[in-house]
Protein backbone atom coordinates (compact mmCIF):
# COMPACT_ATOMS: atom_id res chain seq x y z
CA UNK A 1 1.31 -18.64 13.46
CA UNK A 2 -1.25 -16.65 11.51
CA UNK A 3 0.80 -13.62 13.04
CA UNK A 4 3.50 -14.88 11.58
CA UNK A 5 2.19 -16.41 8.18
CA UNK A 6 -0.35 -13.33 6.48
CA UNK A 7 2.97 -10.50 7.07
CA UNK A 8 5.21 -12.95 5.69
CA UNK A 9 3.35 -13.57 2.56
CA UNK A 10 2.53 -9.83 2.36
CA UNK A 11 6.35 -9.03 2.20
CA UNK A 12 6.81 -11.82 -0.47
CA UNK A 13 4.29 -10.51 -2.65
CA UNK A 14 5.84 -6.82 -2.29
CA UNK A 15 9.22 -8.62 -3.13
CA UNK A 16 7.85 -10.34 -6.15
CA UNK A 17 5.99 -7.16 -7.37
CA UNK A 18 9.32 -4.80 -7.00
CA UNK A 19 11.24 -7.41 -8.83
CA UNK A 20 8.99 -7.60 -11.54
CA UNK A 21 8.88 -3.77 -12.58
CA UNK A 22 12.39 -3.74 -12.45
CA UNK A 23 14.31 -3.91 -16.17
CA UNK A 24 16.79 -6.68 -15.17
CA UNK A 25 14.64 -9.03 -13.40
CA UNK A 26 15.99 -11.80 -11.31
CA UNK A 27 13.90 -14.97 -12.17
CA UNK A 28 14.84 -16.77 -8.92
CA UNK A 29 13.97 -13.90 -6.46
CA UNK A 30 10.52 -14.02 -8.20
CA UNK A 31 10.44 -17.56 -7.92
CA UNK A 32 11.14 -17.78 -4.18
CA UNK A 33 8.48 -14.85 -3.66
CA UNK A 34 5.97 -16.76 -4.98
CA UNK A 35 6.87 -20.20 -3.63
CA UNK A 36 6.48 -18.45 0.10
CA UNK A 37 3.10 -17.21 -0.65
CA UNK A 38 1.57 -20.12 -1.99
CA UNK A 39 3.11 -21.98 0.88
CA UNK A 40 1.42 -19.28 2.90
CA UNK A 41 -1.66 -19.60 1.12
CA UNK A 42 -1.83 -23.55 1.85
CA UNK A 43 -1.09 -23.32 5.13
CA UNK A 44 -3.82 -20.71 6.10
CA UNK A 45 -6.70 -22.53 3.88
CA UNK A 46 -5.57 -25.97 5.58
CA UNK A 47 -7.83 -24.76 8.76
CA UNK A 48 -10.39 -23.68 6.66
CA UNK A 49 -13.22 -26.62 6.94
CA UNK A 50 -14.60 -28.15 3.77
CA UNK A 51 -18.13 -27.10 2.67
CA UNK A 52 -19.18 -30.45 1.89
CA UNK A 53 -18.00 -31.96 5.30
CA UNK A 54 -21.13 -32.62 6.47
CA UNK A 55 -22.30 -34.79 3.67
CA UNK A 56 -18.89 -36.49 3.56
CA UNK A 57 -19.60 -37.62 7.45
CA UNK A 58 -23.20 -38.98 6.10
CA UNK A 59 -21.61 -41.04 3.52
CA UNK A 60 -18.97 -42.75 5.81
C-alpha cells in the first residue's frame, strides 16, 4: 500500500504545482490534487504510533 500511496501523492503535488503556475488556473484540478495528497498523508500517518501511547495504556 505504501508503494502506491507515495508515488500517487508525489504526482498529485506535481500536478497541483504545475496547475498553480499556469496563467489560467483550474481550481478543481488543484482541489482534487490537494485532496489526494491529504488522503495519502492520512493513510500514511495512521500507521505511525502515538508518542503518548504508553501513558494512555497506564491511565486505563
